[in-house]
Amino acid sequence: PRSVPATYVGIMDTIRHIFSRTPEARARGY
């Protein structure tokens, strides 16, 4: 179950970086 379409086509890293740049994530240091 760890293998998903998002990781296989290589977009998961980009999605994670988008979330890390949100104001809430930056305030929490994520």
PDB file of all heavy atoms in Angstrom:
ATOM      1  N   PRO A   1       0.810  -1.232   0.000  1.00  0.00           N
ATOM      2  CA  PRO A   1       0.000   0.000   0.000  1.00  0.00           C
ATOM      3  C   PRO A   1       0.839   1.276   0.000  1.00  0.00           C
ATOM      4  O   PRO A   1       0.323   2.352  -0.264  1.00  0.00           O
ATOM      5  CB  PRO A   1      -0.811  -0.117   1.302  1.00  0.00           C
ATOM      6  CG  PRO A   1      -0.850  -1.581   1.616  1.00  0.00           C
ATOM      7  CD  PRO A   1       0.474  -2.108   1.141  1.00  0.00           C
ATOM      8  N   ARG A   2       2.141   1.166   0.308  1.00  0.00           N
ATOM      9  CA  ARG A   2       3.009   2.345   0.302  1.00  0.00           C
ATOM     10  C   ARG A   2       3.234   2.870  -1.118  1.00  0.00           C
ATOM     11  O   ARG A   2       3.573   4.031  -1.323  1.00  0.00           O
ATOM     12  CB  ARG A   2       4.370   2.018   0.906  1.00  0.00           C
ATOM     13  CG  ARG A   2       4.326   1.732   2.376  1.00  0.00           C
ATOM     14  CD  ARG A   2       5.738   1.644   2.943  1.00  0.00           C
ATOM     15  NE  ARG A   2       5.703   1.211   4.323  1.00  0.00           N
ATOM     16  CZ  ARG A   2       5.362   1.978   5.332  1.00  0.00           C
ATOM     17  NH1 ARG A   2       5.036   3.238   5.101  1.00  0.00           N
ATOM     18  NH2 ARG A   2       5.355   1.522   6.566  1.00  0.00           N
ATOM     19  N   SER A   3       3.112   1.984  -2.100  1.00  0.00           N
ATOM     20  CA  SER A   3       3.313   2.391  -3.493  1.00  0.00           C
ATOM     21  C   SER A   3       2.002   2.933  -4.042  1.00  0.00           C
ATOM     22  O   SER A   3       0.997   2.232  -4.071  1.00  0.00           O
ATOM     23  CB  SER A   3       3.782   1.180  -4.305  1.00  0.00           C
ATOM     24  OG  SER A   3       3.837   1.514  -5.662  1.00  0.00           O
ATOM     25  N   VAL A   4       2.019   4.188  -4.473  1.00  0.00           N
ATOM     26  CA  VAL A   4       0.806   4.845  -4.989  1.00  0.00           C
ATOM     27  C   VAL A   4       1.146   5.543  -6.300  1.00  0.00           C
ATOM     28  O   VAL A   4       2.315   5.831  -6.582  1.00  0.00           O
ATOM     29  CB  VAL A   4       0.242   5.859  -3.960  1.00  0.00           C
ATOM     30  CG1 VAL A   4      -0.164   5.166  -2.668  1.00  0.00           C
ATOM     31  CG2 VAL A   4       1.242   6.971  -3.683  1.00  0.00           C
ATOM     32  N   PRO A   5       0.141   5.833  -7.141  1.00  0.00           N
ATOM     33  CA  PRO A   5       0.400   6.510  -8.428  1.00  0.00           C
ATOM     34  C   PRO A   5       1.186   7.813  -8.279  1.00  0.00           C
ATOM     35  O   PRO A   5       2.042   8.114  -9.107  1.00  0.00           O
ATOM     36  CB  PRO A   5      -1.011   6.764  -8.972  1.00  0.00           C
ATOM     37  CG  PRO A   5      -1.837   5.657  -8.401  1.00  0.00           C
ATOM     38  CD  PRO A   5      -1.279   5.416  -7.028  1.00  0.00           C
ATOM     39  N   ALA A   6       0.918   8.599  -7.218  1.00  0.00           N
ATOM     40  CA  ALA A   6       1.603   9.883  -7.041  1.00  0.00           C
ATOM     41  C   ALA A   6       3.109   9.706  -6.901  1.00  0.00           C
ATOM     42  O   ALA A   6       3.891  10.515  -7.418  1.00  0.00           O
ATOM     43  CB  ALA A   6       1.041  10.614  -5.819  1.00  0.00           C
ATOM     44  N   THR A   7       3.542   8.661  -6.200  1.00  0.00           N
ATOM     45  CA  THR A   7       4.987   8.435  -6.045  1.00  0.00           C
ATOM     46  C   THR A   7       5.578   7.888  -7.335  1.00  0.00           C
ATOM     47  O   THR A   7       6.695   8.236  -7.713  1.00  0.00           O
ATOM     48  CB  THR A   7       5.285   7.467  -4.883  1.00  0.00           C
ATOM     49  OG1 THR A   7       4.540   6.260  -5.065  1.00  0.00           O
ATOM     50  CG2 THR A   7       4.916   8.081  -3.559  1.00  0.00           C
ATOM     51  N   TYR A   8       4.830   7.025  -8.042  1.00  0.00           N
ATOM     52  CA  TYR A   8       5.370   6.373  -9.238  1.00  0.00           C
ATOM     53  C   TYR A   8       5.619   7.367 -10.365  1.00  0.00           C
ATOM     54  O   TYR A   8       6.616   7.265 -11.084  1.00  0.00           O
ATOM     55  CB  TYR A   8       4.437   5.260  -9.718  1.00  0.00           C
ATOM     56  CG  TYR A   8       5.099   4.323 -10.701  1.00  0.00           C
ATOM     57  CD1 TYR A   8       5.847   3.230 -10.257  1.00  0.00           C
ATOM     58  CD2 TYR A   8       5.038   4.552 -12.068  1.00  0.00           C
ATOM     59  CE1 TYR A   8       6.487   2.390 -11.149  1.00  0.00           C
ATOM     60  CE2 TYR A   8       5.668   3.712 -12.971  1.00  0.00           C
ATOM     61  CZ  TYR A   8       6.398   2.638 -12.507  1.00  0.00           C
ATOM     62  OH  TYR A   8       7.043   1.815 -13.399  1.00  0.00           O
ATOM     63  N   VAL A   9       4.705   8.330 -10.553  1.00  0.00           N
ATOM     64  CA  VAL A   9       4.891   9.303 -11.642  1.00  0.00           C
ATOM     65  C   VAL A   9       5.713  10.514 -11.190  1.00  0.00           C
ATOM     66  O   VAL A   9       5.907  11.456 -11.948  1.00  0.00           O
ATOM     67  CB  VAL A   9       3.543   9.768 -12.249  1.00  0.00           C
ATOM     68  CG1 VAL A   9       2.815   8.618 -12.893  1.00  0.00           C
ATOM     69  CG2 VAL A   9       2.659  10.440 -11.208  1.00  0.00           C
ATOM     70  N   GLY A  10       6.186  10.477  -9.944  1.00  0.00           N
ATOM     71  CA  GLY A  10       7.144  11.478  -9.476  1.00  0.00           C
ATOM     72  C   GLY A  10       6.585  12.817  -9.076  1.00  0.00           C
ATOM     73  O   GLY A  10       7.296  13.830  -9.141  1.00  0.00           O
ATOM     74  N   ILE A  11       5.320  12.864  -8.624  1.00  0.00           N
ATOM     75  CA  ILE A  11       4.752  14.161  -8.221  1.00  0.00           C
ATOM     76  C   ILE A  11       4.634  14.301  -6.700  1.00  0.00           C
ATOM     77  O   ILE A  11       4.319  15.375  -6.202  1.00  0.00           O
ATOM     78  CB  ILE A  11       3.370  14.405  -8.866  1.00  0.00           C
ATOM     79  CG1 ILE A  11       2.360  13.335  -8.424  1.00  0.00           C
ATOM     80  CG2 ILE A  11       3.486  14.458 -10.380  1.00  0.00           C
ATOM     81  CD1 ILE A  11       0.936  13.605  -8.907  1.00  0.00           C
ATOM     82  N   MET A  12       4.894  13.225  -5.963  1.00  0.00           N
ATOM     83  CA  MET A  12       4.719  13.270  -4.512  1.00  0.00           C
ATOM     84  C   MET A  12       5.685  14.264  -3.854  1.00  0.00           C
ATOM     85  O   MET A  12       5.301  14.994  -2.939  1.00  0.00           O
ATOM     86  CB  MET A  12       4.908  11.862  -3.925  1.00  0.00           C
ATOM     87  CG  MET A  12       4.428  11.716  -2.497  1.00  0.00           C
ATOM     88  SD  MET A  12       2.667  12.010  -2.335  1.00  0.00           S
ATOM     89  CE  MET A  12       2.560  12.373  -0.588  1.00  0.00           C
ATOM     90  N   ASP A  13       6.930  14.310  -4.349  1.00  0.00           N
ATOM     91  CA  ASP A  13       7.910  15.242  -3.771  1.00  0.00           C
ATOM     92  C   ASP A  13       7.448  16.688  -3.932  1.00  0.00           C
ATOM     93  O   ASP A  13       7.569  17.496  -3.005  1.00  0.00           O
ATOM     94  CB  ASP A  13       9.279  15.055  -4.436  1.00  0.00           C
ATOM     95  CG  ASP A  13       9.980  13.797  -3.952  1.00  0.00           C
ATOM     96  OD1 ASP A  13       9.510  13.220  -2.956  1.00  0.00           O
ATOM     97  OD2 ASP A  13      10.975  13.391  -4.582  1.00  0.00           O
ATOM     98  N   THR A  14       6.924  17.000  -5.127  1.00  0.00           N
ATOM     99  CA  THR A  14       6.453  18.369  -5.385  1.00  0.00           C
ATOM    100  C   THR A  14       5.283  18.718  -4.466  1.00  0.00           C
ATOM    101  O   THR A  14       5.220  19.826  -3.916  1.00  0.00           O
ATOM    102  CB  THR A  14       6.022  18.512  -6.857  1.00  0.00           C
ATOM    103  OG1 THR A  14       7.074  18.054  -7.701  1.00  0.00           O
ATOM    104  CG2 THR A  14       5.697  19.950  -7.194  1.00  0.00           C
ATOM    105  N   ILE A  15       4.351  17.768  -4.283  1.00  0.00           N
ATOM    106  CA  ILE A  15       3.195  18.005  -3.413  1.00  0.00           C
ATOM    107  C   ILE A  15       3.659  18.254  -1.978  1.00  0.00           C
ATOM    108  O   ILE A  15       3.163  19.154  -1.291  1.00  0.00           O
ATOM    109  CB  ILE A  15       2.217  16.810  -3.473  1.00  0.00           C
ATOM    110  CG1 ILE A  15       1.545  16.742  -4.847  1.00  0.00           C
ATOM    111  CG2 ILE A  15       1.150  16.914  -2.374  1.00  0.00           C
ATOM    112  CD1 ILE A  15       0.695  15.498  -5.081  1.00  0.00           C
ATOM    113  N   ARG A  16       4.644  17.473  -1.524  1.00  0.00           N
ATOM    114  CA  ARG A  16       5.147  17.640  -0.149  1.00  0.00           C
ATOM    115  C   ARG A  16       5.812  19.010   0.025  1.00  0.00           C
ATOM    116  O   ARG A  16       5.667  19.643   1.064  1.00  0.00           O
ATOM    117  CB  ARG A  16       6.125  16.507   0.188  1.00  0.00           C
ATOM    118  CG  ARG A  16       5.428  15.143   0.347  1.00  0.00           C
ATOM    119  CD  ARG A  16       6.282  14.075   0.983  1.00  0.00           C
ATOM    120  NE  ARG A  16       7.383  13.648   0.136  1.00  0.00           N
ATOM    121  CZ  ARG A  16       8.654  13.914   0.392  1.00  0.00           C
ATOM    122  NH1 ARG A  16       8.996  14.590   1.471  1.00  0.00           N
ATOM    123  NH2 ARG A  16       9.602  13.498  -0.422  1.00  0.00           N
ATOM    124  N   HIS A  17       6.543  19.464  -0.993  1.00  0.00           N
ATOM    125  CA  HIS A  17       7.184  20.776  -0.906  1.00  0.00           C
ATOM    126  C   HIS A  17       6.152  21.905  -0.902  1.00  0.00           C
ATOM    127  O   HIS A  17       6.344  22.925  -0.233  1.00  0.00           O
ATOM    128  CB  HIS A  17       8.174  20.964  -2.064  1.00  0.00           C
ATOM    129  CG  HIS A  17       9.494  20.295  -1.831  1.00  0.00           C
ATOM    130  ND1 HIS A  17       9.839  19.099  -2.425  1.00  0.00           N
ATOM    131  CD2 HIS A  17      10.545  20.643  -1.040  1.00  0.00           C
ATOM    132  CE1 HIS A  17      11.040  18.739  -2.023  1.00  0.00           C
ATOM    133  NE2 HIS A  17      11.496  19.654  -1.177  1.00  0.00           N
ATOM    134  N   ILE A  18       5.054  21.730  -1.650  1.00  0.00           N
ATOM    135  CA  ILE A  18       3.981  22.734  -1.643  1.00  0.00           C
ATOM    136  C   ILE A  18       3.408  22.873  -0.233  1.00  0.00           C
ATOM    137  O   ILE A  18       3.206  23.994   0.264  1.00  0.00           O
ATOM    138  CB  ILE A  18       2.877  22.351  -2.657  1.00  0.00           C
ATOM    139  CG1 ILE A  18       3.390  22.521  -4.085  1.00  0.00           C
ATOM    140  CG2 ILE A  18       1.611  23.182  -2.443  1.00  0.00           C
ATOM    141  CD1 ILE A  18       2.463  21.961  -5.160  1.00  0.00           C
ATOM    142  N   PHE A  19       3.169  21.741   0.417  1.00  0.00           N
ATOM    143  CA  PHE A  19       2.624  21.777   1.784  1.00  0.00           C
ATOM    144  C   PHE A  19       3.628  22.389   2.766  1.00  0.00           C
ATOM    145  O   PHE A  19       3.245  23.113   3.696  1.00  0.00           O
ATOM    146  CB  PHE A  19       2.225  20.369   2.240  1.00  0.00           C
ATOM    147  CG  PHE A  19       0.798  20.027   1.920  1.00  0.00           C
ATOM    148  CD1 PHE A  19       0.476  19.410   0.719  1.00  0.00           C
ATOM    149  CD2 PHE A  19      -0.235  20.332   2.804  1.00  0.00           C
ATOM    150  CE1 PHE A  19      -0.837  19.112   0.407  1.00  0.00           C
ATOM    151  CE2 PHE A  19      -1.547  20.033   2.495  1.00  0.00           C
ATOM    152  CZ  PHE A  19      -1.859  19.429   1.293  1.00  0.00           C
ATOM    153  N   SER A  20       4.919  22.101   2.547  1.00  0.00           N
ATOM    154  CA  SER A  20       5.936  22.634   3.484  1.00  0.00           C
ATOM    155  C   SER A  20       6.085  24.147   3.370  1.00  0.00           C
ATOM    156  O   SER A  20       6.604  24.797   4.287  1.00  0.00           O
ATOM    157  CB  SER A  20       7.290  21.959   3.241  1.00  0.00           C
ATOM    158  OG  SER A  20       7.840  22.366   2.001  1.00  0.00           O
ATOM    159  N   ARG A  21       5.604  24.730   2.240  1.00  0.00           N
ATOM    160  CA  ARG A  21       5.728  26.176   2.042  1.00  0.00           C
ATOM    161  C   ARG A  21       4.464  26.946   2.460  1.00  0.00           C
ATOM    162  O   ARG A  21       4.405  28.161   2.306  1.00  0.00           O
ATOM    163  CB  ARG A  21       6.059  26.477   0.574  1.00  0.00           C
ATOM    164  CG  ARG A  21       7.450  26.011   0.156  1.00  0.00           C
ATOM    165  CD  ARG A  21       7.936  26.749  -1.083  1.00  0.00           C
ATOM    166  NE  ARG A  21       7.120  26.461  -2.255  1.00  0.00           N
ATOM    167  CZ  ARG A  21       7.392  25.509  -3.136  1.00  0.00           C
ATOM    168  NH1 ARG A  21       8.461  24.745  -2.957  1.00  0.00           N
ATOM    169  NH2 ARG A  21       6.624  25.318  -4.181  1.00  0.00           N
ATOM    170  N   THR A  22       3.457  26.240   2.968  1.00  0.00           N
ATOM    171  CA  THR A  22       2.250  26.932   3.432  1.00  0.00           C
ATOM    172  C   THR A  22       2.572  27.689   4.731  1.00  0.00           C
ATOM    173  O   THR A  22       3.455  27.277   5.494  1.00  0.00           O
ATOM    174  CB  THR A  22       1.097  25.934   3.690  1.00  0.00           C
ATOM    175  OG1 THR A  22       1.526  24.994   4.686  1.00  0.00           O
ATOM    176  CG2 THR A  22       0.696  25.207   2.426  1.00  0.00           C
ATOM    177  N   PRO A  23       1.877  28.803   4.998  1.00  0.00           N
ATOM    178  CA  PRO A  23       2.148  29.580   6.229  1.00  0.00           C
ATOM    179  C   PRO A  23       2.058  28.742   7.503  1.00  0.00           C
ATOM    180  O   PRO A  23       2.886  28.879   8.412  1.00  0.00           O
ATOM    181  CB  PRO A  23       1.057  30.657   6.191  1.00  0.00           C
ATOM    182  CG  PRO A  23       0.699  30.797   4.753  1.00  0.00           C
ATOM    183  CD  PRO A  23       0.853  29.443   4.157  1.00  0.00           C
ATOM    184  N   GLU A  24       1.064  27.845   7.573  1.00  0.00           N
ATOM    185  CA  GLU A  24       0.887  27.001   8.762  1.00  0.00           C
ATOM    186  C   GLU A  24       2.092  26.093   8.983  1.00  0.00           C
ATOM    187  O   GLU A  24       2.587  25.952  10.109  1.00  0.00           O
ATOM    188  CB  GLU A  24      -0.387  26.159   8.591  1.00  0.00           C
ATOM    189  CG  GLU A  24      -0.723  25.251   9.761  1.00  0.00           C
ATOM    190  CD  GLU A  24      -1.207  26.008  10.985  1.00  0.00           C
ATOM    191  OE1 GLU A  24      -1.592  27.193  10.852  1.00  0.00           O
ATOM    192  OE2 GLU A  24      -1.191  25.433  12.086  1.00  0.00           O
ATOM    193  N   ALA A  25       2.584  25.469   7.902  1.00  0.00           N
ATOM    194  CA  ALA A  25       3.742  24.564   8.018  1.00  0.00           C
ATOM    195  C   ALA A  25       4.995  25.333   8.416  1.00  0.00           C
ATOM    196  O   ALA A  25       5.798  24.874   9.244  1.00  0.00           O
ATOM    197  CB  ALA A  25       3.958  23.830   6.700  1.00  0.00           C
ATOM    198  N   ARG A  26       5.186  26.532   7.841  1.00  0.00           N
ATOM    199  CA  ARG A  26       6.378  27.323   8.164  1.00  0.00           C
ATOM    200  C   ARG A  26       6.345  27.805   9.611  1.00  0.00           C
ATOM    201  O   ARG A  26       7.378  27.847  10.292  1.00  0.00           O
ATOM    202  CB  ARG A  26       6.480  28.494   7.189  1.00  0.00           C
ATOM    203  CG  ARG A  26       6.774  28.019   5.770  1.00  0.00           C
ATOM    204  CD  ARG A  26       6.622  29.120   4.747  1.00  0.00           C
ATOM    205  NE  ARG A  26       7.708  30.089   4.833  1.00  0.00           N
ATOM    206  CZ  ARG A  26       7.825  31.135   4.013  1.00  0.00           C
ATOM    207  NH1 ARG A  26       6.924  31.326   3.067  1.00  0.00           N
ATOM    208  NH2 ARG A  26       8.827  31.984   4.148  1.00  0.00           N
ATOM    209  N   ALA A  27       5.130  28.156  10.094  1.00  0.00           N
ATOM    210  CA  ALA A  27       4.998  28.584  11.495  1.00  0.00           C
ATOM    211  C   ALA A  27       5.332  27.449  12.448  1.00  0.00           C
ATOM    212  O   ALA A  27       5.898  27.672  13.527  1.00  0.00           O
ATOM    213  CB  ALA A  27       3.575  29.082  11.738  1.00  0.00           C
ATOM    214  N   ARG A  28       5.005  26.224  12.039  1.00  0.00           N
ATOM    215  CA  ARG A  28       5.274  25.056  12.904  1.00  0.00           C
ATOM    216  C   ARG A  28       6.668  24.482  12.683  1.00  0.00           C
ATOM    217  O   ARG A  28       7.078  23.552  13.386  1.00  0.00           O
ATOM    218  CB  ARG A  28       4.238  23.957  12.618  1.00  0.00           C
ATOM    219  CG  ARG A  28       2.808  24.330  13.027  1.00  0.00           C
ATOM    220  CD  ARG A  28       1.842  23.220  12.643  1.00  0.00           C
ATOM    221  NE  ARG A  28       0.465  23.531  13.034  1.00  0.00           N
ATOM    222  CZ  ARG A  28      -0.345  22.682  13.649  1.00  0.00           C
ATOM    223  NH1 ARG A  28       0.081  21.480  13.966  1.00  0.00           N
ATOM    224  NH2 ARG A  28      -1.585  23.036  13.949  1.00  0.00           N
ATOM    225  N   GLY A  29       7.372  24.965  11.655  1.00  0.00           N
ATOM    226  CA  GLY A  29       8.721  24.462  11.375  1.00  0.00           C
ATOM    227  C   GLY A  29       8.731  23.113  10.670  1.00  0.00           C
ATOM    228  O   GLY A  29       9.711  22.371  10.771  1.00  0.00           O
ATOM    229  N   TYR A  30       7.654  22.811   9.955  1.00  0.00           N
ATOM    230  CA  TYR A  30       7.577  21.525   9.260  1.00  0.00           C
ATOM    231  C   TYR A  30       8.353  21.564   7.936  1.00  0.00           C
ATOM    232  O   TYR A  30       8.184  22.483   7.129  1.00  0.00           O
ATOM    233  CB  TYR A  30       6.122  21.142   8.950  1.00  0.00           C
ATOM    234  CG  TYR A  30       5.277  20.801  10.168  1.00  0.00           C
ATOM    235  CD1 TYR A  30       3.884  20.704  10.051  1.00  0.00           C
ATOM    236  CD2 TYR A  30       5.854  20.559  11.410  1.00  0.00           C
ATOM    237  CE1 TYR A  30       3.088  20.384  11.148  1.00  0.00           C
ATOM    238  CE2 TYR A  30       5.079  20.239  12.508  1.00  0.00           C
ATOM    239  CZ  TYR A  30       3.692  20.156  12.370  1.00  0.00           C
ATOM    240  OH  TYR A  30       2.927  19.849  13.463  1.00  0.00           O
TER     241      TYR A  30
END
